[in-house]
Amino acid sequence: MSNIDDDIKPVRSSGNLFRDVSLPNAELEHLRASLAGKIMRVLDDDGLTAKQAHKLTGVDEADFSRIRKVKLERFTVDRLMTILNRLGQDVEISVDVHPRRPATSSTRPGLL
């Protein structure tokens, strides 16, 4: 009988899970997830509940709950950045542009 661990093989990540699993708009999804993670970290570091964060920022409590549950469909990058600003954070984004590397057996290119 085969052990399930024998069927699992490690692969090298591109650093973007969304690209690795060939999801559309991988870079955008990665950025949104990163910003949401920063929001969660600020809330945790400051010990803020969704209700307290709402009082501090004016952002709906439900939005903080969605961010905590990583339900990011309704959030744009600029909205997430605005939330971070309202939480007293400066947001700095750096963009590097370069040609895509050819796909290897362990990574697949993102879709446009």
Protein backbone atom coordinates (compact mmCIF):
# COMPACT_ATOMS: atom_id res chain seq x y z
CA MET A 1 0.00 0.00 0.00
CA SER A 2 1.28 3.47 -0.92
CA ASN A 3 1.88 6.06 1.76
CA ILE A 4 0.23 9.41 0.91
CA ASP A 5 3.48 11.19 1.84
CA ASP A 6 5.20 9.34 -1.01
CA ASP A 7 2.91 11.13 -3.48
CA ILE A 8 3.69 14.63 -2.17
CA LYS A 9 6.67 16.29 -3.75
CA PRO A 10 8.02 19.70 -2.68
CA VAL A 11 8.10 22.42 -5.31
CA ARG A 12 9.89 25.74 -5.32
CA SER A 13 7.53 28.69 -4.91
CA SER A 14 7.73 31.84 -6.98
CA GLY A 15 6.94 33.81 -3.83
CA ASN A 16 3.38 34.37 -5.05
CA LEU A 17 1.01 31.52 -4.20
CA PHE A 18 -1.63 32.95 -6.53
CA ARG A 19 0.78 32.73 -9.46
CA ASP A 20 1.95 29.27 -8.42
CA VAL A 21 -1.59 27.92 -8.70
CA SER A 22 -2.23 29.86 -11.94
CA LEU A 23 -4.98 32.11 -10.63
CA PRO A 24 -5.95 35.10 -12.76
CA ASN A 25 -4.64 38.50 -11.60
CA ALA A 26 -2.08 36.77 -9.38
CA GLU A 27 -0.06 39.91 -8.68
CA LEU A 28 -3.16 41.91 -7.71
CA GLU A 29 -4.41 39.13 -5.43
CA HIS A 30 -0.98 38.83 -3.83
CA LEU A 31 -0.91 42.58 -3.14
CA ARG A 32 -4.42 42.58 -1.68
CA ALA A 33 -3.58 39.63 0.57
CA SER A 34 -0.37 41.33 1.71
CA LEU A 35 -2.20 44.55 2.58
CA ALA A 36 -4.93 42.61 4.40
CA GLY A 37 -2.23 40.80 6.36
CA LYS A 38 -0.73 44.14 7.39
CA ILE A 39 -4.16 45.32 8.55
CA MET A 40 -4.59 42.17 10.64
CA ARG A 41 -1.14 42.65 12.14
CA VAL A 42 -1.95 46.26 13.15
CA LEU A 43 -5.24 45.14 14.71
CA ASP A 44 -3.49 42.35 16.61
CA ASP A 45 -0.53 44.49 17.70
CA ASP A 46 -2.87 47.22 18.97
CA GLY A 47 -5.33 44.71 20.46
CA LEU A 48 -8.22 46.18 18.47
CA THR A 49 -11.54 44.46 17.97
CA ALA A 50 -13.58 45.14 14.82
CA LYS A 51 -15.79 47.44 16.88
CA GLN A 52 -12.84 49.42 18.24
CA ALA A 53 -11.25 49.63 14.79
CA HIS A 54 -14.56 50.95 13.41
CA LYS A 55 -14.66 53.70 16.07
CA LEU A 56 -11.05 54.61 15.30
CA THR A 57 -11.32 54.61 11.50
CA GLY A 58 -14.96 54.93 10.48
CA VAL A 59 -14.60 51.72 8.45
CA ASP A 60 -17.50 49.30 8.92
CA GLU A 61 -17.02 46.59 11.54
CA ALA A 62 -18.11 44.03 8.95
CA ASP A 63 -15.22 45.07 6.71
CA PHE A 64 -12.71 44.28 9.45
CA SER A 65 -14.41 40.92 9.94
CA ARG A 66 -14.17 40.22 6.19
CA ILE A 67 -10.49 41.12 6.21
CA ARG A 68 -9.86 38.79 9.17
CA LYS A 69 -11.66 35.99 7.28
CA VAL A 70 -9.63 36.84 4.13
CA LYS A 71 -12.78 37.52 2.15
CA LEU A 72 -11.20 40.23 0.04
CA GLU A 73 -13.39 40.19 -3.08
CA ARG A 74 -14.96 43.57 -2.35
CA PHE A 75 -11.72 45.34 -1.41
CA THR A 76 -9.62 47.32 -3.85
CA VAL A 77 -5.94 47.98 -3.24
CA ASP A 78 -6.61 51.66 -2.65
CA ARG A 79 -9.34 50.86 -0.12
CA LEU A 80 -7.02 48.56 1.83
CA MET A 81 -4.33 51.26 1.75
CA THR A 82 -6.86 53.81 3.03
CA ILE A 83 -7.76 51.50 5.92
CA LEU A 84 -4.08 51.20 6.83
CA ASN A 85 -3.73 55.00 6.69
CA ARG A 86 -6.73 55.39 8.99
CA LEU A 87 -5.09 52.93 11.37
CA GLY A 88 -2.15 55.35 11.57
CA GLN A 89 0.12 53.50 9.15
CA ASP A 90 2.16 54.93 6.30
CA VAL A 91 1.99 52.72 3.21
CA GLU A 92 4.90 52.59 0.83
CA ILE A 93 4.69 50.46 -2.31
CA SER A 94 7.65 49.66 -4.54
CA VAL A 95 7.14 48.34 -8.06
CA ASP A 96 9.72 46.44 -10.04
CA VAL A 97 9.00 45.67 -13.68
CA HIS A 98 10.95 43.05 -15.60
CA PRO A 99 10.30 40.44 -18.27
CA ARG A 100 8.76 37.21 -17.05
CA ARG A 101 11.04 34.26 -16.63
CA PRO A 102 10.14 31.19 -18.65
CA ALA A 103 8.00 28.68 -16.78
CA THR A 104 9.81 25.76 -15.19
CA SER A 105 8.42 22.46 -14.07
CA SER A 106 8.02 23.83 -10.52
CA THR A 107 6.37 27.18 -11.35
CA ARG A 108 3.84 28.30 -13.90
CA PRO A 109 3.41 31.83 -15.29
CA GLY A 110 0.46 33.96 -14.17
CA LEU A 111 -2.35 34.74 -16.57
CA LEU A 112 -3.15 38.23 -17.80
